[in-house]
Amino acid sequence: MSKYSKLGRVAKCGSADSKYMSKANTLDEDIEAKRNEHEVFKSLVRHLVISEPAKMDLRFKDLLDVARELKQEFNL
């Protein structure tokens, strides 16, 4: 853990123990991986909702119910 995180501030030139300090190009790779992960998740959810056009309204309501349950359960 960075000594700066305990103090509530960020180092001006980057913390020496940051995983991106020695490998700056990994930041771009990590950002791209996170974007891809979000797109795959959205695509899966979209596919679940539209997989049966006759039940699209029901699937969407179920999705919202699950999202509300998760929000309440994990205090999101």
PDB file of N, CA and C in Angstrom:
ATOM      1  N   MET A   1       0.847  -1.175   0.000  1.00  0.00           N
ATOM      2  CA  MET A   1       0.000   0.000   0.000  1.00  0.00           C
ATOM      3  C   MET A   1       0.891   1.237   0.000  1.00  0.00           C
ATOM      4  N   SER A   2       0.474   2.203  -0.735  1.00  0.00           N
ATOM      5  CA  SER A   2       1.233   3.434  -0.834  1.00  0.00           C
ATOM      6  C   SER A   2       1.162   4.234   0.458  1.00  0.00           C
ATOM      7  N   LYS A   3       2.267   4.840   0.787  1.00  0.00           N
ATOM      8  CA  LYS A   3       2.274   5.672   1.993  1.00  0.00           C
ATOM      9  C   LYS A   3       1.387   6.895   1.812  1.00  0.00           C
ATOM     10  N   TYR A   4       1.156   7.297   0.554  1.00  0.00           N
ATOM     11  CA  TYR A   4       0.320   8.453   0.289  1.00  0.00           C
ATOM     12  C   TYR A   4      -1.165   8.154   0.500  1.00  0.00           C
ATOM     13  N   SER A   5      -1.568   6.893   0.288  1.00  0.00           N
ATOM     14  CA  SER A   5      -2.978   6.567   0.479  1.00  0.00           C
ATOM     15  C   SER A   5      -3.382   6.691   1.939  1.00  0.00           C
ATOM     16  N   LYS A   6      -2.455   6.470   2.846  1.00  0.00           N
ATOM     17  CA  LYS A   6      -2.747   6.605   4.271  1.00  0.00           C
ATOM     18  C   LYS A   6      -2.920   8.069   4.667  1.00  0.00           C
ATOM     19  N   LEU A   7      -2.268   8.942   3.933  1.00  0.00           N
ATOM     20  CA  LEU A   7      -2.329  10.365   4.262  1.00  0.00           C
ATOM     21  C   LEU A   7      -3.437  11.092   3.516  1.00  0.00           C
ATOM     22  N   GLY A   8      -4.071  10.410   2.553  1.00  0.00           N
ATOM     23  CA  GLY A   8      -5.161  11.026   1.817  1.00  0.00           C
ATOM     24  C   GLY A   8      -4.714  11.981   0.735  1.00  0.00           C
ATOM     25  N   ARG A   9      -3.502  11.817   0.231  1.00  0.00           N
ATOM     26  CA  ARG A   9      -3.036  12.669  -0.846  1.00  0.00           C
ATOM     27  C   ARG A   9      -2.207  11.833  -1.818  1.00  0.00           C
ATOM     28  N   VAL A  10      -1.941  12.385  -2.961  1.00  0.00           N
ATOM     29  CA  VAL A  10      -1.231  11.678  -4.015  1.00  0.00           C
ATOM     30  C   VAL A  10       0.132  12.321  -4.226  1.00  0.00           C
ATOM     31  N   ALA A  11       1.108  11.499  -4.498  1.00  0.00           N
ATOM     32  CA  ALA A  11       2.449  12.021  -4.766  1.00  0.00           C
ATOM     33  C   ALA A  11       2.443  12.843  -6.044  1.00  0.00           C
ATOM     34  N   LYS A  12       3.212  13.914  -6.074  1.00  0.00           N
ATOM     35  CA  LYS A  12       3.233  14.794  -7.245  1.00  0.00           C
ATOM     36  C   LYS A  12       3.792  14.105  -8.488  1.00  0.00           C
ATOM     37  N   CYS A  13       4.793  13.282  -8.323  1.00  0.00           N
ATOM     38  CA  CYS A  13       5.416  12.640  -9.473  1.00  0.00           C
ATOM     39  C   CYS A  13       5.079  11.153  -9.548  1.00  0.00           C
ATOM     40  N   GLY A  14       4.158  10.682  -8.782  1.00  0.00           N
ATOM     41  CA  GLY A  14       3.794   9.276  -8.768  1.00  0.00           C
ATOM     42  C   GLY A  14       4.506   8.559  -7.645  1.00  0.00           C
ATOM     43  N   SER A  15       3.830   7.662  -7.039  1.00  0.00           N
ATOM     44  CA  SER A  15       4.409   6.924  -5.931  1.00  0.00           C
ATOM     45  C   SER A  15       5.360   5.859  -6.455  1.00  0.00           C
ATOM     46  N   ALA A  16       6.475   5.691  -5.789  1.00  0.00           N
ATOM     47  CA  ALA A  16       7.480   4.724  -6.222  1.00  0.00           C
ATOM     48  C   ALA A  16       6.959   3.296  -6.150  1.00  0.00           C
ATOM     49  N   ASP A  17       5.977   3.047  -5.302  1.00  0.00           N
ATOM     50  CA  ASP A  17       5.446   1.696  -5.196  1.00  0.00           C
ATOM     51  C   ASP A  17       4.197   1.483  -6.051  1.00  0.00           C
ATOM     52  N   SER A  18       3.881   2.426  -6.908  1.00  0.00           N
ATOM     53  CA  SER A  18       2.760   2.278  -7.823  1.00  0.00           C
ATOM     54  C   SER A  18       3.114   1.255  -8.891  1.00  0.00           C
ATOM     55  N   LYS A  19       2.135   0.441  -9.283  1.00  0.00           N
ATOM     56  CA  LYS A  19       2.427  -0.577 -10.290  1.00  0.00           C
ATOM     57  C   LYS A  19       2.622   0.036 -11.673  1.00  0.00           C
ATOM     58  N   TYR A  20       2.226   1.283 -11.862  1.00  0.00           N
ATOM     59  CA  TYR A  20       2.382   1.945 -13.150  1.00  0.00           C
ATOM     60  C   TYR A  20       3.632   2.822 -13.227  1.00  0.00           C
ATOM     61  N   MET A  21       4.313   3.000 -12.112  1.00  0.00           N
ATOM     62  CA  MET A  21       5.494   3.868 -12.101  1.00  0.00           C
ATOM     63  C   MET A  21       6.609   3.295 -12.965  1.00  0.00           C
ATOM     64  N   SER A  22       6.862   2.009 -12.837  1.00  0.00           N
ATOM     65  CA  SER A  22       7.957   1.406 -13.595  1.00  0.00           C
ATOM     66  C   SER A  22       7.536   0.949 -14.985  1.00  0.00           C
ATOM     67  N   LYS A  23       6.230   0.728 -15.192  1.00  0.00           N
ATOM     68  CA  LYS A  23       5.730   0.268 -16.489  1.00  0.00           C
ATOM     69  C   LYS A  23       4.553   1.145 -16.906  1.00  0.00           C
ATOM     70  N   ALA A  24       4.846   2.275 -17.455  1.00  0.00           N
ATOM     71  CA  ALA A  24       3.795   3.241 -17.802  1.00  0.00           C
ATOM     72  C   ALA A  24       2.851   2.712 -18.871  1.00  0.00           C
ATOM     73  N   ASN A  25       3.323   1.878 -19.779  1.00  0.00           N
ATOM     74  CA  ASN A  25       2.455   1.388 -20.850  1.00  0.00           C
ATOM     75  C   ASN A  25       1.410   0.394 -20.347  1.00  0.00           C
ATOM     76  N   THR A  26       1.598  -0.178 -19.168  1.00  0.00           N
ATOM     77  CA  THR A  26       0.591  -1.098 -18.645  1.00  0.00           C
ATOM     78  C   THR A  26      -0.688  -0.380 -18.239  1.00  0.00           C
ATOM     79  N   LEU A  27      -0.616   0.900 -17.980  1.00  0.00           N
ATOM     80  CA  LEU A  27      -1.818   1.661 -17.651  1.00  0.00           C
ATOM     81  C   LEU A  27      -2.789   1.637 -18.822  1.00  0.00           C
ATOM     82  N   ASP A  28      -2.299   1.918 -20.025  1.00  0.00           N
ATOM     83  CA  ASP A  28      -3.157   1.892 -21.207  1.00  0.00           C
ATOM     84  C   ASP A  28      -3.733   0.498 -21.440  1.00  0.00           C
ATOM     85  N   GLU A  29      -2.924  -0.526 -21.219  1.00  0.00           N
ATOM     86  CA  GLU A  29      -3.398  -1.901 -21.394  1.00  0.00           C
ATOM     87  C   GLU A  29      -4.485  -2.233 -20.379  1.00  0.00           C
ATOM     88  N   ASP A  30      -4.304  -1.813 -19.140  1.00  0.00           N
ATOM     89  CA  ASP A  30      -5.303  -2.067 -18.102  1.00  0.00           C
ATOM     90  C   ASP A  30      -6.607  -1.318 -18.382  1.00  0.00           C
ATOM     91  N   ILE A  31      -6.493  -0.100 -18.857  1.00  0.00           N
ATOM     92  CA  ILE A  31      -7.688   0.681 -19.196  1.00  0.00           C
ATOM     93  C   ILE A  31      -8.456   0.004 -20.325  1.00  0.00           C
ATOM     94  N   GLU A  32      -7.746  -0.431 -21.343  1.00  0.00           N
ATOM     95  CA  GLU A  32      -8.386  -1.106 -22.476  1.00  0.00           C
ATOM     96  C   GLU A  32      -9.033  -2.418 -22.033  1.00  0.00           C
ATOM     97  N   ALA A  33      -8.375  -3.160 -21.148  1.00  0.00           N
ATOM     98  CA  ALA A  33      -8.939  -4.413 -20.648  1.00  0.00           C
ATOM     99  C   ALA A  33     -10.234  -4.159 -19.872  1.00  0.00           C
ATOM    100  N   LYS A  34     -10.248  -3.100 -19.066  1.00  0.00           N
ATOM    101  CA  LYS A  34     -11.466  -2.761 -18.311  1.00  0.00           C
ATOM    102  C   LYS A  34     -12.601  -2.352 -19.252  1.00  0.00           C
ATOM    103  N   ARG A  35     -12.273  -1.585 -20.274  1.00  0.00           N
ATOM    104  CA  ARG A  35     -13.302  -1.198 -21.255  1.00  0.00           C
ATOM    105  C   ARG A  35     -13.881  -2.429 -21.938  1.00  0.00           C
ATOM    106  N   ASN A  36     -13.017  -3.345 -22.330  1.00  0.00           N
ATOM    107  CA  ASN A  36     -13.485  -4.570 -22.984  1.00  0.00           C
ATOM    108  C   ASN A  36     -14.349  -5.397 -22.046  1.00  0.00           C
ATOM    109  N   GLU A  37     -13.947  -5.476 -20.797  1.00  0.00           N
ATOM    110  CA  GLU A  37     -14.723  -6.226 -19.799  1.00  0.00           C
ATOM    111  C   GLU A  37     -16.128  -5.650 -19.660  1.00  0.00           C
ATOM    112  N   HIS A  38     -16.232  -4.318 -19.621  1.00  0.00           N
ATOM    113  CA  HIS A  38     -17.545  -3.671 -19.505  1.00  0.00           C
ATOM    114  C   HIS A  38     -18.386  -3.907 -20.752  1.00  0.00           C
ATOM    115  N   GLU A  39     -17.779  -3.857 -21.912  1.00  0.00           N
ATOM    116  CA  GLU A  39     -18.517  -4.075 -23.156  1.00  0.00           C
ATOM    117  C   GLU A  39     -19.035  -5.509 -23.246  1.00  0.00           C
ATOM    118  N   VAL A  40     -18.241  -6.472 -22.832  1.00  0.00           N
ATOM    119  CA  VAL A  40     -18.677  -7.872 -22.843  1.00  0.00           C
ATOM    120  C   VAL A  40     -19.844  -8.060 -21.882  1.00  0.00           C
ATOM    121  N   PHE A  41     -19.748  -7.471 -20.706  1.00  0.00           N
ATOM    122  CA  PHE A  41     -20.832  -7.585 -19.727  1.00  0.00           C
ATOM    123  C   PHE A  41     -22.123  -6.972 -20.276  1.00  0.00           C
ATOM    124  N   LYS A  42     -22.025  -5.772 -20.834  1.00  0.00           N
ATOM    125  CA  LYS A  42     -23.204  -5.114 -21.397  1.00  0.00           C
ATOM    126  C   LYS A  42     -23.818  -5.942 -22.519  1.00  0.00           C
ATOM    127  N   SER A  43     -22.961  -6.534 -23.331  1.00  0.00           N
ATOM    128  CA  SER A  43     -23.436  -7.360 -24.427  1.00  0.00           C
ATOM    129  C   SER A  43     -24.184  -8.590 -23.917  1.00  0.00           C
ATOM    130  N   LEU A  44     -23.667  -9.219 -22.867  1.00  0.00           N
ATOM    131  CA  LEU A  44     -24.345 -10.381 -22.278  1.00  0.00           C
ATOM    132  C   LEU A  44     -25.709 -10.006 -21.702  1.00  0.00           C
ATOM    133  N   VAL A  45     -25.761  -8.905 -20.988  1.00  0.00           N
ATOM    134  CA  VAL A  45     -27.026  -8.459 -20.391  1.00  0.00           C
ATOM    135  C   VAL A  45     -28.023  -8.129 -21.500  1.00  0.00           C
ATOM    136  N   ARG A  46     -27.548  -7.430 -22.511  1.00  0.00           N
ATOM    137  CA  ARG A  46     -28.422  -7.072 -23.639  1.00  0.00           C
ATOM    138  C   ARG A  46     -28.975  -8.327 -24.310  1.00  0.00           C
ATOM    139  N   HIS A  47     -28.111  -9.306 -24.512  1.00  0.00           N
ATOM    140  CA  HIS A  47     -28.550 -10.549 -25.144  1.00  0.00           C
ATOM    141  C   HIS A  47     -29.615 -11.249 -24.298  1.00  0.00           C
ATOM    142  N   LEU A  48     -29.432 -11.264 -22.976  1.00  0.00           N
ATOM    143  CA  LEU A  48     -30.427 -11.878 -22.098  1.00  0.00           C
ATOM    144  C   LEU A  48     -31.779 -11.186 -22.199  1.00  0.00           C
ATOM    145  N   VAL A  49     -31.749  -9.870 -22.274  1.00  0.00           N
ATOM    146  CA  VAL A  49     -33.005  -9.111 -22.302  1.00  0.00           C
ATOM    147  C   VAL A  49     -33.727  -9.295 -23.640  1.00  0.00           C
ATOM    148  N   ILE A  50     -33.008  -9.285 -24.750  1.00  0.00           N
ATOM    149  CA  ILE A  50     -33.666  -9.328 -26.058  1.00  0.00           C
ATOM    150  C   ILE A  50     -33.723 -10.731 -26.666  1.00  0.00           C
ATOM    151  N   SER A  51     -33.308 -11.750 -25.928  1.00  0.00           N
ATOM    152  CA  SER A  51     -33.277 -13.102 -26.485  1.00  0.00           C
ATOM    153  C   SER A  51     -34.663 -13.609 -26.872  1.00  0.00           C
ATOM    154  N   GLU A  52     -35.675 -13.203 -26.128  1.00  0.00           N
ATOM    155  CA  GLU A  52     -37.053 -13.579 -26.458  1.00  0.00           C
ATOM    156  C   GLU A  52     -37.883 -12.304 -26.579  1.00  0.00           C
ATOM    157  N   PRO A  53     -38.119 -11.853 -27.796  1.00  0.00           N
ATOM    158  CA  PRO A  53     -38.836 -10.581 -27.972  1.00  0.00           C
ATOM    159  C   PRO A  53     -40.198 -10.532 -27.282  1.00  0.00           C
ATOM    160  N   ALA A  54     -40.875 -11.650 -27.176  1.00  0.00           N
ATOM    161  CA  ALA A  54     -42.192 -11.660 -26.536  1.00  0.00           C
ATOM    162  C   ALA A  54     -42.097 -11.407 -25.033  1.00  0.00           C
ATOM    163  N   LYS A  55     -40.956 -11.714 -24.449  1.00  0.00           N
ATOM    164  CA  LYS A  55     -40.779 -11.543 -22.998  1.00  0.00           C
ATOM    165  C   LYS A  55     -39.828 -10.400 -22.660  1.00  0.00           C
ATOM    166  N   MET A  56     -39.581  -9.509 -23.605  1.00  0.00           N
ATOM    167  CA  MET A  56     -38.604  -8.451 -23.391  1.00  0.00           C
ATOM    168  C   MET A  56     -38.972  -7.558 -22.205  1.00  0.00           C
ATOM    169  N   ASP A  57     -40.237  -7.194 -22.089  1.00  0.00           N
ATOM    170  CA  ASP A  57     -40.670  -6.351 -20.965  1.00  0.00           C
ATOM    171  C   ASP A  57     -40.438  -7.051 -19.632  1.00  0.00           C
ATOM    172  N   LEU A  58     -40.781  -8.326 -19.565  1.00  0.00           N
ATOM    173  CA  LEU A  58     -40.602  -9.088 -18.337  1.00  0.00           C
ATOM    174  C   LEU A  58     -39.120  -9.215 -17.988  1.00  0.00           C
ATOM    175  N   ARG A  59     -38.288  -9.512 -18.979  1.00  0.00           N
ATOM    176  CA  ARG A  59     -36.845  -9.646 -18.740  1.00  0.00           C
ATOM    177  C   ARG A  59     -36.250  -8.328 -18.247  1.00  0.00           C
ATOM    178  N   PHE A  60     -36.689  -7.221 -18.830  1.00  0.00           N
ATOM    179  CA  PHE A  60     -36.184  -5.915 -18.417  1.00  0.00           C
ATOM    180  C   PHE A  60     -36.582  -5.623 -16.973  1.00  0.00           C
ATOM    181  N   LYS A  61     -37.830  -5.917 -16.609  1.00  0.00           N
ATOM    182  CA  LYS A  61     -38.278  -5.710 -15.229  1.00  0.00           C
ATOM    183  C   LYS A  61     -37.502  -6.601 -14.268  1.00  0.00           C
ATOM    184  N   ASP A  62     -37.242  -7.849 -14.688  1.00  0.00           N
ATOM    185  CA  ASP A  62     -36.440  -8.753 -13.849  1.00  0.00           C
ATOM    186  C   ASP A  62     -35.031  -8.194 -13.652  1.00  0.00           C
ATOM    187  N   LEU A  63     -34.470  -7.668 -14.715  1.00  0.00           N
ATOM    188  CA  LEU A  63     -33.132  -7.073 -14.636  1.00  0.00           C
ATOM    189  C   LEU A  63     -33.108  -5.926 -13.629  1.00  0.00           C
ATOM    190  N   LEU A  64     -34.114  -5.073 -13.685  1.00  0.00           N
ATOM    191  CA  LEU A  64     -34.189  -3.953 -12.744  1.00  0.00           C
ATOM    192  C   LEU A  64     -34.377  -4.441 -11.307  1.00  0.00           C
ATOM    193  N   ASP A  65     -35.201  -5.472 -11.130  1.00  0.00           N
ATOM    194  CA  ASP A  65     -35.405  -6.028  -9.786  1.00  0.00           C
ATOM    195  C   ASP A  65     -34.095  -6.575  -9.215  1.00  0.00           C
ATOM    196  N   VAL A  66     -33.363  -7.304 -10.026  1.00  0.00           N
ATOM    197  CA  VAL A  66     -32.086  -7.861  -9.575  1.00  0.00           C
ATOM    198  C   VAL A  66     -31.105  -6.735  -9.250  1.00  0.00           C
ATOM    199  N   ALA A  67     -31.078  -5.697 -10.089  1.00  0.00           N
ATOM    200  CA  ALA A  67     -30.177  -4.570  -9.838  1.00  0.00           C
ATOM    201  C   ALA A  67     -30.525  -3.883  -8.518  1.00  0.00           C
ATOM    202  N   ARG A  68     -31.813  -3.720  -8.244  1.00  0.00           N
ATOM    203  CA  ARG A  68     -32.231  -3.113  -6.972  1.00  0.00           C
ATOM    204  C   ARG A  68     -31.846  -3.990  -5.780  1.00  0.00           C
ATOM    205  N   GLU A  69     -32.035  -5.308  -5.937  1.00  0.00           N
ATOM    206  CA  GLU A  69     -31.665  -6.228  -4.859  1.00  0.00           C
ATOM    207  C   GLU A  69     -30.168  -6.174  -4.575  1.00  0.00           C
ATOM    208  N   LEU A  70     -29.367  -6.148  -5.629  1.00  0.00           N
ATOM    209  CA  LEU A  70     -27.916  -6.063  -5.464  1.00  0.00           C
ATOM    210  C   LEU A  70     -27.522  -4.734  -4.803  1.00  0.00           C
ATOM    211  N   LYS A  71     -28.177  -3.671  -5.209  1.00  0.00           N
ATOM    212  CA  LYS A  71     -27.881  -2.363  -4.633  1.00  0.00           C
ATOM    213  C   LYS A  71     -28.162  -2.362  -3.137  1.00  0.00           C
ATOM    214  N   GLN A  72     -29.282  -2.922  -2.763  1.00  0.00           N
ATOM    215  CA  GLN A  72     -29.638  -2.936  -1.346  1.00  0.00           C
ATOM    216  C   GLN A  72     -28.738  -3.903  -0.568  1.00  0.00           C
ATOM    217  N   GLU A  73     -28.473  -5.074  -1.131  1.00  0.00           N
ATOM    218  CA  GLU A  73     -27.675  -6.088  -0.429  1.00  0.00           C
ATOM    219  C   GLU A  73     -26.238  -5.641  -0.188  1.00  0.00           C
ATOM    220  N   PHE A  74     -25.653  -4.952  -1.166  1.00  0.00           N
ATOM    221  CA  PHE A  74     -24.250  -4.564  -1.064  1.00  0.00           C
ATOM    222  C   PHE A  74     -24.048  -3.072  -0.823  1.00  0.00           C
ATOM    223  N   ASN A  75     -25.129  -2.349  -0.518  1.00  0.00           N
ATOM    224  CA  ASN A  75     -25.055  -0.902  -0.246  1.00  0.00           C
ATOM    225  C   ASN A  75     -24.354  -0.146  -1.361  1.00  0.00           C
ATOM    226  N   LEU A  76     -24.783  -0.389  -2.569  1.00  0.00           N
ATOM    227  CA  LEU A  76     -24.173   0.285  -3.726  1.00  0.00           C
ATOM    228  C   LEU A  76     -24.865   1.596  -4.010  1.00  0.00           C
TER     229      LEU A  76
END
